[in-house]
Amino acid sequence: MKTVLIIDDDDSIRDSIKDVLEDEGYRVLQAENGMQGTMMCKKNKVDIAIIDIWLPNIDGMKVLEEINRINKKIKSIMISAHGTVTTAVDSWKKGAVDFLEKPLSLDKLLQAVKKASG
């Protein structure tokens, strides 16, 4: 069973994603900020991280970089309500496997997670 970590400061978004992924058989962990998310990557086996760009404490791009330092095998999917083409390209350059805009299409998110699951 693959483990997905959702890092987003919005409880309702985390809960929606969690429900969909658990229905598909994924183990889901949640973090409400970047610090908590990076700590969870250090303490748990995480296969996929879904990271919001706009987070309190540390922004999502820095979280992406830190997760890559912790474990290069973790596949990261970036999400944002304020995404730009530049942000998407920057996230790919830093190792993200996908970039999705909010409001999230749960179907597109599920496709991205399945693709990242390999």
PDB file of N, CA and C in Angstrom:
ATOM      1  N   MET A   1       0.838  -1.177   0.000  1.00  0.00           N
ATOM      2  CA  MET A   1       0.000   0.000   0.000  1.00  0.00           C
ATOM      3  C   MET A   1       0.884   1.242   0.000  1.00  0.00           C
ATOM      4  N   LYS A   2       0.629   2.156  -0.923  1.00  0.00           N
ATOM      5  CA  LYS A   2       1.393   3.401  -1.025  1.00  0.00           C
ATOM      6  C   LYS A   2       0.884   4.403   0.010  1.00  0.00           C
ATOM      7  N   THR A   3       1.814   5.202   0.544  1.00  0.00           N
ATOM      8  CA  THR A   3       1.465   6.225   1.519  1.00  0.00           C
ATOM      9  C   THR A   3       1.583   7.600   0.875  1.00  0.00           C
ATOM     10  N   VAL A   4       0.513   8.384   1.032  1.00  0.00           N
ATOM     11  CA  VAL A   4       0.462   9.742   0.493  1.00  0.00           C
ATOM     12  C   VAL A   4       0.392  10.720   1.662  1.00  0.00           C
ATOM     13  N   LEU A   5       1.244  11.728   1.627  1.00  0.00           N
ATOM     14  CA  LEU A   5       1.234  12.795   2.624  1.00  0.00           C
ATOM     15  C   LEU A   5       0.640  14.039   1.982  1.00  0.00           C
ATOM     16  N   ILE A   6      -0.406  14.576   2.592  1.00  0.00           N
ATOM     17  CA  ILE A   6      -1.032  15.810   2.113  1.00  0.00           C
ATOM     18  C   ILE A   6      -0.564  16.947   3.015  1.00  0.00           C
ATOM     19  N   ILE A   7       0.074  17.957   2.416  1.00  0.00           N
ATOM     20  CA  ILE A   7       0.537  19.120   3.173  1.00  0.00           C
ATOM     21  C   ILE A   7      -0.230  20.337   2.670  1.00  0.00           C
ATOM     22  N   ASP A   8      -1.210  20.764   3.447  1.00  0.00           N
ATOM     23  CA  ASP A   8      -2.052  21.908   3.079  1.00  0.00           C
ATOM     24  C   ASP A   8      -2.624  22.490   4.360  1.00  0.00           C
ATOM     25  N   ASP A   9      -2.690  23.804   4.465  1.00  0.00           N
ATOM     26  CA  ASP A   9      -3.196  24.433   5.683  1.00  0.00           C
ATOM     27  C   ASP A   9      -4.717  24.498   5.729  1.00  0.00           C
ATOM     28  N   ASP A  10      -5.390  24.091   4.660  1.00  0.00           N
ATOM     29  CA  ASP A  10      -6.850  24.100   4.613  1.00  0.00           C
ATOM     30  C   ASP A  10      -7.381  22.706   4.979  1.00  0.00           C
ATOM     31  N   ASP A  11      -8.037  22.625   6.152  1.00  0.00           N
ATOM     32  CA  ASP A  11      -8.561  21.337   6.643  1.00  0.00           C
ATOM     33  C   ASP A  11      -9.501  20.675   5.649  1.00  0.00           C
ATOM     34  N   SER A  12     -10.381  21.455   5.033  1.00  0.00           N
ATOM     35  CA  SER A  12     -11.384  20.869   4.141  1.00  0.00           C
ATOM     36  C   SER A  12     -10.733  20.283   2.890  1.00  0.00           C
ATOM     37  N   ILE A  13      -9.704  20.923   2.394  1.00  0.00           N
ATOM     38  CA  ILE A  13      -9.001  20.384   1.225  1.00  0.00           C
ATOM     39  C   ILE A  13      -8.291  19.089   1.602  1.00  0.00           C
ATOM     40  N   ARG A  14      -7.590  19.107   2.740  1.00  0.00           N
ATOM     41  CA  ARG A  14      -6.912  17.872   3.186  1.00  0.00           C
ATOM     42  C   ARG A  14      -7.910  16.740   3.355  1.00  0.00           C
ATOM     43  N   ASP A  15      -9.036  17.027   3.999  1.00  0.00           N
ATOM     44  CA  ASP A  15     -10.033  15.987   4.249  1.00  0.00           C
ATOM     45  C   ASP A  15     -10.632  15.447   2.946  1.00  0.00           C
ATOM     46  N   SER A  16     -10.904  16.323   1.978  1.00  0.00           N
ATOM     47  CA  SER A  16     -11.457  15.880   0.688  1.00  0.00           C
ATOM     48  C   SER A  16     -10.488  14.955  -0.028  1.00  0.00           C
ATOM     49  N   ILE A  17      -9.227  15.366  -0.075  1.00  0.00           N
ATOM     50  CA  ILE A  17      -8.214  14.548  -0.744  1.00  0.00           C
ATOM     51  C   ILE A  17      -8.051  13.221  -0.010  1.00  0.00           C
ATOM     52  N   LYS A  18      -8.005  13.286   1.312  1.00  0.00           N
ATOM     53  CA  LYS A  18      -7.853  12.077   2.128  1.00  0.00           C
ATOM     54  C   LYS A  18      -8.969  11.073   1.834  1.00  0.00           C
ATOM     55  N   ASP A  19     -10.207  11.546   1.814  1.00  0.00           N
ATOM     56  CA  ASP A  19     -11.348  10.656   1.571  1.00  0.00           C
ATOM     57  C   ASP A  19     -11.239   9.960   0.217  1.00  0.00           C
ATOM     58  N   VAL A  20     -10.903  10.716  -0.814  1.00  0.00           N
ATOM     59  CA  VAL A  20     -10.793  10.147  -2.160  1.00  0.00           C
ATOM     60  C   VAL A  20      -9.665   9.119  -2.222  1.00  0.00           C
ATOM     61  N   LEU A  21      -8.513   9.469  -1.652  1.00  0.00           N
ATOM     62  CA  LEU A  21      -7.367   8.555  -1.730  1.00  0.00           C
ATOM     63  C   LEU A  21      -7.561   7.302  -0.886  1.00  0.00           C
ATOM     64  N   GLU A  22      -8.162   7.444   0.280  1.00  0.00           N
ATOM     65  CA  GLU A  22      -8.430   6.255   1.099  1.00  0.00           C
ATOM     66  C   GLU A  22      -9.416   5.326   0.406  1.00  0.00           C
ATOM     67  N   ASP A  23     -10.393   5.888  -0.295  1.00  0.00           N
ATOM     68  CA  ASP A  23     -11.343   5.062  -1.058  1.00  0.00           C
ATOM     69  C   ASP A  23     -10.633   4.268  -2.152  1.00  0.00           C
ATOM     70  N   GLU A  24      -9.497   4.803  -2.618  1.00  0.00           N
ATOM     71  CA  GLU A  24      -8.723   4.129  -3.666  1.00  0.00           C
ATOM     72  C   GLU A  24      -7.653   3.192  -3.098  1.00  0.00           C
ATOM     73  N   GLY A  25      -7.593   3.090  -1.768  1.00  0.00           N
ATOM     74  CA  GLY A  25      -6.685   2.139  -1.146  1.00  0.00           C
ATOM     75  C   GLY A  25      -5.337   2.694  -0.705  1.00  0.00           C
ATOM     76  N   TYR A  26      -5.182   4.014  -0.731  1.00  0.00           N
ATOM     77  CA  TYR A  26      -3.931   4.609  -0.266  1.00  0.00           C
ATOM     78  C   TYR A  26      -3.979   4.831   1.242  1.00  0.00           C
ATOM     79  N   ARG A  27      -2.808   4.761   1.871  1.00  0.00           N
ATOM     80  CA  ARG A  27      -2.665   5.172   3.273  1.00  0.00           C
ATOM     81  C   ARG A  27      -2.390   6.670   3.220  1.00  0.00           C
ATOM     82  N   VAL A  28      -3.095   7.457   4.023  1.00  0.00           N
ATOM     83  CA  VAL A  28      -2.976   8.911   3.931  1.00  0.00           C
ATOM     84  C   VAL A  28      -2.538   9.515   5.261  1.00  0.00           C
ATOM     85  N   LEU A  29      -1.524  10.371   5.185  1.00  0.00           N
ATOM     86  CA  LEU A  29      -1.069  11.168   6.320  1.00  0.00           C
ATOM     87  C   LEU A  29      -1.363  12.625   5.998  1.00  0.00           C
ATOM     88  N   GLN A  30      -1.537  13.451   7.041  1.00  0.00           N
ATOM     89  CA  GLN A  30      -1.852  14.853   6.818  1.00  0.00           C
ATOM     90  C   GLN A  30      -0.949  15.755   7.648  1.00  0.00           C
ATOM     91  N   ALA A  31      -0.592  16.900   7.063  1.00  0.00           N
ATOM     92  CA  ALA A  31       0.170  17.932   7.764  1.00  0.00           C
ATOM     93  C   ALA A  31      -0.434  19.283   7.404  1.00  0.00           C
ATOM     94  N   GLU A  32      -0.534  20.161   8.412  1.00  0.00           N
ATOM     95  CA  GLU A  32      -1.162  21.465   8.165  1.00  0.00           C
ATOM     96  C   GLU A  32      -0.161  22.570   7.845  1.00  0.00           C
ATOM     97  N   ASN A  33       1.142  22.249   7.888  1.00  0.00           N
ATOM     98  CA  ASN A  33       2.147  23.237   7.490  1.00  0.00           C
ATOM     99  C   ASN A  33       3.414  22.511   7.035  1.00  0.00           C
ATOM    100  N   GLY A  34       4.329  23.288   6.473  1.00  0.00           N
ATOM    101  CA  GLY A  34       5.542  22.704   5.910  1.00  0.00           C
ATOM    102  C   GLY A  34       6.458  22.049   6.932  1.00  0.00           C
ATOM    103  N   MET A  35       6.584  22.666   8.101  1.00  0.00           N
ATOM    104  CA  MET A  35       7.434  22.090   9.153  1.00  0.00           C
ATOM    105  C   MET A  35       6.922  20.709   9.551  1.00  0.00           C
ATOM    106  N   GLN A  36       5.629  20.627   9.783  1.00  0.00           N
ATOM    107  CA  GLN A  36       5.014  19.356  10.177  1.00  0.00           C
ATOM    108  C   GLN A  36       5.180  18.330   9.044  1.00  0.00           C
ATOM    109  N   GLY A  37       5.006  18.770   7.809  1.00  0.00           N
ATOM    110  CA  GLY A  37       5.135  17.866   6.669  1.00  0.00           C
ATOM    111  C   GLY A  37       6.526  17.290   6.514  1.00  0.00           C
ATOM    112  N   THR A  38       7.541  18.140   6.658  1.00  0.00           N
ATOM    113  CA  THR A  38       8.911  17.621   6.520  1.00  0.00           C
ATOM    114  C   THR A  38       9.254  16.671   7.661  1.00  0.00           C
ATOM    115  N   MET A  39       8.769  16.961   8.864  1.00  0.00           N
ATOM    116  CA  MET A  39       9.000  16.047   9.990  1.00  0.00           C
ATOM    117  C   MET A  39       8.341  14.697   9.733  1.00  0.00           C
ATOM    118  N   MET A  40       7.145  14.712   9.151  1.00  0.00           N
ATOM    119  CA  MET A  40       6.452  13.449   8.863  1.00  0.00           C
ATOM    120  C   MET A  40       7.223  12.631   7.824  1.00  0.00           C
ATOM    121  N   CYS A  41       7.871  13.313   6.884  1.00  0.00           N
ATOM    122  CA  CYS A  41       8.679  12.603   5.886  1.00  0.00           C
ATOM    123  C   CYS A  41       9.900  11.959   6.525  1.00  0.00           C
ATOM    124  N   LYS A  42      10.411  12.568   7.579  1.00  0.00           N
ATOM    125  CA  LYS A  42      11.558  12.000   8.272  1.00  0.00           C
ATOM    126  C   LYS A  42      11.167  10.782   9.107  1.00  0.00           C
ATOM    127  N   LYS A  43       9.942  10.798   9.647  1.00  0.00           N
ATOM    128  CA  LYS A  43       9.528   9.760  10.592  1.00  0.00           C
ATOM    129  C   LYS A  43       8.694   8.639   9.969  1.00  0.00           C
ATOM    130  N   ASN A  44       8.213   8.817   8.740  1.00  0.00           N
ATOM    131  CA  ASN A  44       7.325   7.844   8.103  1.00  0.00           C
ATOM    132  C   ASN A  44       7.828   7.502   6.710  1.00  0.00           C
ATOM    133  N   LYS A  45       7.433   6.336   6.238  1.00  0.00           N
ATOM    134  CA  LYS A  45       7.707   5.982   4.847  1.00  0.00           C
ATOM    135  C   LYS A  45       6.627   6.661   4.009  1.00  0.00           C
ATOM    136  N   VAL A  46       7.025   7.646   3.234  1.00  0.00           N
ATOM    137  CA  VAL A  46       6.095   8.383   2.379  1.00  0.00           C
ATOM    138  C   VAL A  46       6.488   8.119   0.931  1.00  0.00           C
ATOM    139  N   ASP A  47       5.502   7.770   0.105  1.00  0.00           N
ATOM    140  CA  ASP A  47       5.756   7.522  -1.308  1.00  0.00           C
ATOM    141  C   ASP A  47       5.470   8.754  -2.156  1.00  0.00           C
ATOM    142  N   ILE A  48       4.396   9.462  -1.790  1.00  0.00           N
ATOM    143  CA  ILE A  48       3.943  10.616  -2.570  1.00  0.00           C
ATOM    144  C   ILE A  48       3.576  11.742  -1.615  1.00  0.00           C
ATOM    145  N   ALA A  49       4.009  12.961  -1.943  1.00  0.00           N
ATOM    146  CA  ALA A  49       3.625  14.135  -1.155  1.00  0.00           C
ATOM    147  C   ALA A  49       2.821  15.076  -2.051  1.00  0.00           C
ATOM    148  N   ILE A  50       1.678  15.506  -1.550  1.00  0.00           N
ATOM    149  CA  ILE A  50       0.865  16.522  -2.226  1.00  0.00           C
ATOM    150  C   ILE A  50       1.072  17.802  -1.428  1.00  0.00           C
ATOM    151  N   ILE A  51       1.684  18.802  -2.056  1.00  0.00           N
ATOM    152  CA  ILE A  51       2.148  19.987  -1.329  1.00  0.00           C
ATOM    153  C   ILE A  51       1.508  21.251  -1.885  1.00  0.00           C
ATOM    154  N   ASP A  52       0.845  22.006  -1.010  1.00  0.00           N
ATOM    155  CA  ASP A  52       0.318  23.313  -1.397  1.00  0.00           C
ATOM    156  C   ASP A  52       1.486  24.289  -1.516  1.00  0.00           C
ATOM    157  N   ILE A  53       1.429  25.176  -2.490  1.00  0.00           N
ATOM    158  CA  ILE A  53       2.484  26.170  -2.671  1.00  0.00           C
ATOM    159  C   ILE A  53       2.473  27.193  -1.531  1.00  0.00           C
ATOM    160  N   TRP A  54       1.270  27.654  -1.136  1.00  0.00           N
ATOM    161  CA  TRP A  54       1.153  28.695  -0.115  1.00  0.00           C
ATOM    162  C   TRP A  54       0.882  28.060   1.231  1.00  0.00           C
ATOM    163  N   LEU A  55       1.911  28.001   2.051  1.00  0.00           N
ATOM    164  CA  LEU A  55       1.812  27.392   3.374  1.00  0.00           C
ATOM    165  C   LEU A  55       2.347  28.358   4.432  1.00  0.00           C
ATOM    166  N   PRO A  56       1.842  28.254   5.667  1.00  0.00           N
ATOM    167  CA  PRO A  56       2.443  29.047   6.744  1.00  0.00           C
ATOM    168  C   PRO A  56       3.834  28.485   7.088  1.00  0.00           C
ATOM    169  N   ASN A  57       4.666  29.274   7.688  1.00  0.00           N
ATOM    170  CA  ASN A  57       6.028  28.911   8.108  1.00  0.00           C
ATOM    171  C   ASN A  57       6.984  28.854   6.919  1.00  0.00           C
ATOM    172  N   ILE A  58       6.866  27.824   6.119  1.00  0.00           N
ATOM    173  CA  ILE A  58       7.747  27.606   4.964  1.00  0.00           C
ATOM    174  C   ILE A  58       6.861  27.449   3.741  1.00  0.00           C
ATOM    175  N   ASP A  59       7.197  28.116   2.631  1.00  0.00           N
ATOM    176  CA  ASP A  59       6.360  27.942   1.444  1.00  0.00           C
ATOM    177  C   ASP A  59       6.583  26.568   0.827  1.00  0.00           C
ATOM    178  N   GLY A  60       5.638  26.166  -0.001  1.00  0.00           N
ATOM    179  CA  GLY A  60       5.644  24.830  -0.579  1.00  0.00           C
ATOM    180  C   GLY A  60       6.872  24.499  -1.403  1.00  0.00           C
ATOM    181  N   MET A  61       7.454  25.506  -2.071  1.00  0.00           N
ATOM    182  CA  MET A  61       8.651  25.245  -2.875  1.00  0.00           C
ATOM    183  C   MET A  61       9.828  24.851  -1.972  1.00  0.00           C
ATOM    184  N   LYS A  62       9.951  25.494  -0.829  1.00  0.00           N
ATOM    185  CA  LYS A  62      11.007  25.137   0.122  1.00  0.00           C
ATOM    186  C   LYS A  62      10.739  23.752   0.723  1.00  0.00           C
ATOM    187  N   VAL A  63       9.460  23.456   0.958  1.00  0.00           N
ATOM    188  CA  VAL A  63       9.086  22.125   1.459  1.00  0.00           C
ATOM    189  C   VAL A  63       9.477  21.069   0.426  1.00  0.00           C
ATOM    190  N   LEU A  64       9.200  21.331  -0.842  1.00  0.00           N
ATOM    191  CA  LEU A  64       9.581  20.417  -1.921  1.00  0.00           C
ATOM    192  C   LEU A  64      11.096  20.164  -1.895  1.00  0.00           C
ATOM    193  N   GLU A  65      11.885  21.223  -1.777  1.00  0.00           N
ATOM    194  CA  GLU A  65      13.339  21.077  -1.730  1.00  0.00           C
ATOM    195  C   GLU A  65      13.773  20.251  -0.519  1.00  0.00           C
ATOM    196  N   GLU A  66      13.162  20.513   0.631  1.00  0.00           N
ATOM    197  CA  GLU A  66      13.528  19.794   1.859  1.00  0.00           C
ATOM    198  C   GLU A  66      13.149  18.310   1.752  1.00  0.00           C
ATOM    199  N   ILE A  67      11.971  18.028   1.211  1.00  0.00           N
ATOM    200  CA  ILE A  67      11.548  16.632   1.036  1.00  0.00           C
ATOM    201  C   ILE A  67      12.513  15.910   0.100  1.00  0.00           C
ATOM    202  N   ASN A  68      12.953  16.592  -0.952  1.00  0.00           N
ATOM    203  CA  ASN A  68      13.932  15.981  -1.862  1.00  0.00           C
ATOM    204  C   ASN A  68      15.243  15.677  -1.160  1.00  0.00           C
ATOM    205  N   ARG A  69      15.627  16.527  -0.198  1.00  0.00           N
ATOM    206  CA  ARG A  69      16.853  16.267   0.577  1.00  0.00           C
ATOM    207  C   ARG A  69      16.647  15.070   1.519  1.00  0.00           C
ATOM    208  N   ILE A  70      15.447  14.957   2.070  1.00  0.00           N
ATOM    209  CA  ILE A  70      15.147  13.868   3.008  1.00  0.00           C
ATOM    210  C   ILE A  70      15.130  12.527   2.275  1.00  0.00           C
ATOM    211  N   ASN A  71      14.435  12.501   1.127  1.00  0.00           N
ATOM    212  CA  ASN A  71      14.303  11.245   0.389  1.00  0.00           C
ATOM    213  C   ASN A  71      13.946  11.541  -1.061  1.00  0.00           C
ATOM    214  N   LYS A  72      14.894  11.363  -1.952  1.00  0.00           N
ATOM    215  CA  LYS A  72      14.682  11.653  -3.382  1.00  0.00           C
ATOM    216  C   LYS A  72      13.628  10.747  -4.024  1.00  0.00           C
ATOM    217  N   LYS A  73      13.296   9.634  -3.371  1.00  0.00           N
ATOM    218  CA  LYS A  73      12.318   8.713  -3.950  1.00  0.00           C
ATOM    219  C   LYS A  73      10.872   9.181  -3.767  1.00  0.00           C
ATOM    220  N   ILE A  74      10.645  10.153  -2.878  1.00  0.00           N
ATOM    221  CA  ILE A  74       9.287  10.674  -2.680  1.00  0.00           C
ATOM    222  C   ILE A  74       8.888  11.488  -3.904  1.00  0.00           C
ATOM    223  N   LYS A  75       7.766  11.135  -4.498  1.00  0.00           N
ATOM    224  CA  LYS A  75       7.232  11.862  -5.657  1.00  0.00           C
ATOM    225  C   LYS A  75       6.341  12.982  -5.127  1.00  0.00           C
ATOM    226  N   SER A  76       6.578  14.204  -5.613  1.00  0.00           N
ATOM    227  CA  SER A  76       5.813  15.347  -5.115  1.00  0.00           C
ATOM    228  C   SER A  76       4.890  15.912  -6.193  1.00  0.00           C
ATOM    229  N   ILE A  77       3.664  16.195  -5.768  1.00  0.00           N
ATOM    230  CA  ILE A  77       2.658  16.839  -6.614  1.00  0.00           C
ATOM    231  C   ILE A  77       2.343  18.179  -5.956  1.00  0.00           C
ATOM    232  N   MET A  78       2.553  19.266  -6.691  1.00  0.00           N
ATOM    233  CA  MET A  78       2.310  20.601  -6.156  1.00  0.00           C
ATOM    234  C   MET A  78       0.887  21.033  -6.505  1.00  0.00           C
ATOM    235  N   ILE A  79       0.246  21.732  -5.557  1.00  0.00           N
ATOM    236  CA  ILE A  79      -1.096  22.259  -5.796  1.00  0.00           C
ATOM    237  C   ILE A  79      -1.123  23.727  -5.382  1.00  0.00           C
ATOM    238  N   SER A  80      -1.934  24.537  -6.091  1.00  0.00           N
ATOM    239  CA  SER A  80      -2.012  25.951  -5.741  1.00  0.00           C
ATOM    240  C   SER A  80      -3.239  26.613  -6.352  1.00  0.00           C
ATOM    241  N   ALA A  81      -3.820  27.521  -5.578  1.00  0.00           N
ATOM    242  CA  ALA A  81      -4.914  28.350  -6.087  1.00  0.00           C
ATOM    243  C   ALA A  81      -4.360  29.564  -6.819  1.00  0.00           C
ATOM    244  N   HIS A  82      -3.076  29.838  -6.642  1.00  0.00           N
ATOM    245  CA  HIS A  82      -2.467  31.040  -7.210  1.00  0.00           C
ATOM    246  C   HIS A  82      -1.297  30.684  -8.107  1.00  0.00           C
ATOM    247  N   GLY A  83      -1.404  29.557  -8.768  1.00  0.00           N
ATOM    248  CA  GLY A  83      -0.300  29.080  -9.580  1.00  0.00           C
ATOM    249  C   GLY A  83      -0.146  29.872 -10.869  1.00  0.00           C
ATOM    250  N   THR A  84       1.090  29.969 -11.305  1.00  0.00           N
ATOM    251  CA  THR A  84       1.397  30.582 -12.591  1.00  0.00           C
ATOM    252  C   THR A  84       2.226  29.577 -13.377  1.00  0.00           C
ATOM    253  N   VAL A  85       2.403  29.857 -14.649  1.00  0.00           N
ATOM    254  CA  VAL A  85       3.237  28.983 -15.473  1.00  0.00           C
ATOM    255  C   VAL A  85       4.655  28.952 -14.897  1.00  0.00           C
ATOM    256  N   THR A  86       5.139  30.103 -14.456  1.00  0.00           N
ATOM    257  CA  THR A  86       6.479  30.179 -13.880  1.00  0.00           C
ATOM    258  C   THR A  86       6.600  29.303 -12.635  1.00  0.00           C
ATOM    259  N   THR A  87       5.589  29.362 -11.779  1.00  0.00           N
ATOM    260  CA  THR A  87       5.600  28.542 -10.564  1.00  0.00           C
ATOM    261  C   THR A  87       5.595  27.058 -10.925  1.00  0.00           C
ATOM    262  N   ALA A  88       4.773  26.696 -11.886  1.00  0.00           N
ATOM    263  CA  ALA A  88       4.708  25.294 -12.310  1.00  0.00           C
ATOM    264  C   ALA A  88       6.062  24.827 -12.848  1.00  0.00           C
ATOM    265  N   VAL A  89       6.667  25.627 -13.710  1.00  0.00           N
ATOM    266  CA  VAL A  89       7.967  25.265 -14.287  1.00  0.00           C
ATOM    267  C   VAL A  89       9.022  25.164 -13.179  1.00  0.00           C
ATOM    268  N   ASP A  90       9.022  26.138 -12.252  1.00  0.00           N
ATOM    269  CA  ASP A  90       9.976  26.089 -11.137  1.00  0.00           C
ATOM    270  C   ASP A  90       9.804  24.823 -10.312  1.00  0.00           C
ATOM    271  N   SER A  91       8.559  24.425 -10.068  1.00  0.00           N
ATOM    272  CA  SER A  91       8.325  23.220  -9.265  1.00  0.00           C
ATOM    273  C   SER A  91       8.836  21.976  -9.996  1.00  0.00           C
ATOM    274  N   TRP A  92       8.657  21.914 -11.304  1.00  0.00           N
ATOM    275  CA  TRP A  92       9.168  20.770 -12.067  1.00  0.00           C
ATOM    276  C   TRP A  92      10.697  20.742 -12.023  1.00  0.00           C
ATOM    277  N   LYS A  93      11.307  21.926 -12.146  1.00  0.00           N
ATOM    278  CA  LYS A  93      12.774  21.999 -12.095  1.00  0.00           C
ATOM    279  C   LYS A  93      13.303  21.530 -10.743  1.00  0.00           C
ATOM    280  N   LYS A  94      12.492  21.727  -9.695  1.00  0.00           N
ATOM    281  CA  LYS A  94      12.916  21.323  -8.348  1.00  0.00           C
ATOM    282  C   LYS A  94      12.509  19.890  -8.021  1.00  0.00           C
ATOM    283  N   GLY A  95      11.931  19.187  -8.998  1.00  0.00           N
ATOM    284  CA  GLY A  95      11.678  17.770  -8.809  1.00  0.00           C
ATOM    285  C   GLY A  95      10.229  17.335  -8.679  1.00  0.00           C
ATOM    286  N   ALA A  96       9.281  18.255  -8.742  1.00  0.00           N
ATOM    287  CA  ALA A  96       7.870  17.853  -8.675  1.00  0.00           C
ATOM    288  C   ALA A  96       7.505  17.052  -9.925  1.00  0.00           C
ATOM    289  N   VAL A  97       6.618  16.084  -9.753  1.00  0.00           N
ATOM    290  CA  VAL A  97       6.196  15.277 -10.895  1.00  0.00           C
ATOM    291  C   VAL A  97       4.939  15.834 -11.548  1.00  0.00           C
ATOM    292  N   ASP A  98       4.227  16.725 -10.831  1.00  0.00           N
ATOM    293  CA  ASP A  98       3.010  17.311 -11.397  1.00  0.00           C
ATOM    294  C   ASP A  98       2.677  18.603 -10.670  1.00  0.00           C
ATOM    295  N   PHE A  99       1.839  19.423 -11.305  1.00  0.00           N
ATOM    296  CA  PHE A  99       1.381  20.687 -10.735  1.00  0.00           C
ATOM    297  C   PHE A  99      -0.099  20.814 -11.079  1.00  0.00           C
ATOM    298  N   LEU A 100      -0.941  20.957 -10.064  1.00  0.00           N
ATOM    299  CA  LEU A 100      -2.388  21.059 -10.268  1.00  0.00           C
ATOM    300  C   LEU A 100      -2.909  22.353  -9.659  1.00  0.00           C
ATOM    301  N   GLU A 101      -3.871  22.965 -10.349  1.00  0.00           N
ATOM    302  CA  GLU A 101      -4.467  24.197  -9.854  1.00  0.00           C
ATOM    303  C   GLU A 101      -5.712  23.911  -9.035  1.00  0.00           C
ATOM    304  N   LYS A 102      -5.896  24.723  -7.992  1.00  0.00           N
ATOM    305  CA  LYS A 102      -7.130  24.689  -7.205  1.00  0.00           C
ATOM    306  C   LYS A 102      -8.126  25.623  -7.882  1.00  0.00           C
ATOM    307  N   PRO A 103      -9.407  25.378  -7.804  1.00  0.00           N
ATOM    308  CA  PRO A 103      -9.996  24.232  -7.115  1.00  0.00           C
ATOM    309  C   PRO A 103      -9.616  22.941  -7.829  1.00  0.00           C
ATOM    310  N   LEU A 104      -9.293  21.956  -7.024  1.00  0.00           N
ATOM    311  CA  LEU A 104      -8.811  20.692  -7.555  1.00  0.00           C
ATOM    312  C   LEU A 104      -9.922  19.885  -8.201  1.00  0.00           C
ATOM    313  N   SER A 105      -9.603  19.324  -9.348  1.00  0.00           N
ATOM    314  CA  SER A 105     -10.437  18.283  -9.920  1.00  0.00           C
ATOM    315  C   SER A 105      -9.953  16.999  -9.254  1.00  0.00           C
ATOM    316  N   LEU A 106     -10.819  16.367  -8.486  1.00  0.00           N
ATOM    317  CA  LEU A 106     -10.393  15.153  -7.781  1.00  0.00           C
ATOM    318  C   LEU A 106     -10.022  14.048  -8.765  1.00  0.00           C
ATOM    319  N   ASP A 107     -10.651  14.049  -9.955  1.00  0.00           N
ATOM    320  CA  ASP A 107     -10.275  13.067 -10.981  1.00  0.00           C
ATOM    321  C   ASP A 107      -8.839  13.299 -11.460  1.00  0.00           C
ATOM    322  N   LYS A 108      -8.485  14.577 -11.717  1.00  0.00           N
ATOM    323  CA  LYS A 108      -7.116  14.886 -12.156  1.00  0.00           C
ATOM    324  C   LYS A 108      -6.114  14.582 -11.057  1.00  0.00           C
ATOM    325  N   LEU A 109      -6.491  14.887  -9.828  1.00  0.00           N
ATOM    326  CA  LEU A 109      -5.610  14.585  -8.702  1.00  0.00           C
ATOM    327  C   LEU A 109      -5.377  13.086  -8.597  1.00  0.00           C
ATOM    328  N   LEU A 110      -6.428  12.319  -8.699  1.00  0.00           N
ATOM    329  CA  LEU A 110      -6.312  10.867  -8.624  1.00  0.00           C
ATOM    330  C   LEU A 110      -5.444  10.325  -9.760  1.00  0.00           C
ATOM    331  N   GLN A 111      -5.601  10.880 -10.959  1.00  0.00           N
ATOM    332  CA  GLN A 111      -4.747  10.476 -12.089  1.00  0.00           C
ATOM    333  C   GLN A 111      -3.281  10.782 -11.790  1.00  0.00           C
ATOM    334  N   ALA A 112      -3.020  11.969 -11.236  1.00  0.00           N
ATOM    335  CA  ALA A 112      -1.645  12.360 -10.914  1.00  0.00           C
ATOM    336  C   ALA A 112      -1.043  11.441  -9.859  1.00  0.00           C
ATOM    337  N   VAL A 113      -1.836  11.081  -8.846  1.00  0.00           N
ATOM    338  CA  VAL A 113      -1.348  10.196  -7.791  1.00  0.00           C
ATOM    339  C   VAL A 113      -1.084   8.803  -8.356  1.00  0.00           C
ATOM    340  N   LYS A 114      -1.978   8.303  -9.183  1.00  0.00           N
ATOM    341  CA  LYS A 114      -1.779   6.981  -9.793  1.00  0.00           C
ATOM    342  C   LYS A 114      -0.520   6.973 -10.661  1.00  0.00           C
ATOM    343  N   LYS A 115      -0.317   8.044 -11.417  1.00  0.00           N
ATOM    344  CA  LYS A 115       0.879   8.166 -12.258  1.00  0.00           C
ATOM    345  C   LYS A 115       2.136   8.198 -11.368  1.00  0.00           C
ATOM    346  N   ALA A 116       2.093   8.946 -10.285  1.00  0.00           N
ATOM    347  CA  ALA A 116       3.242   9.036  -9.380  1.00  0.00           C
ATOM    348  C   ALA A 116       3.497   7.710  -8.670  1.00  0.00           C
ATOM    349  N   SER A 117       2.442   6.917  -8.503  1.00  0.00           N
ATOM    350  CA  SER A 117       2.578   5.608  -7.848  1.00  0.00           C
ATOM    351  C   SER A 117       3.379   4.637  -8.700  1.00  0.00           C
ATOM    352  N   GLY A 118       3.418   4.943  -9.998  1.00  0.00           N
ATOM    353  CA  GLY A 118       4.223   4.179 -10.924  1.00  0.00           C
ATOM    354  C   GLY A 118       3.769   2.822 -11.202  1.00  0.00           C
TER     355      GLY A 118
END
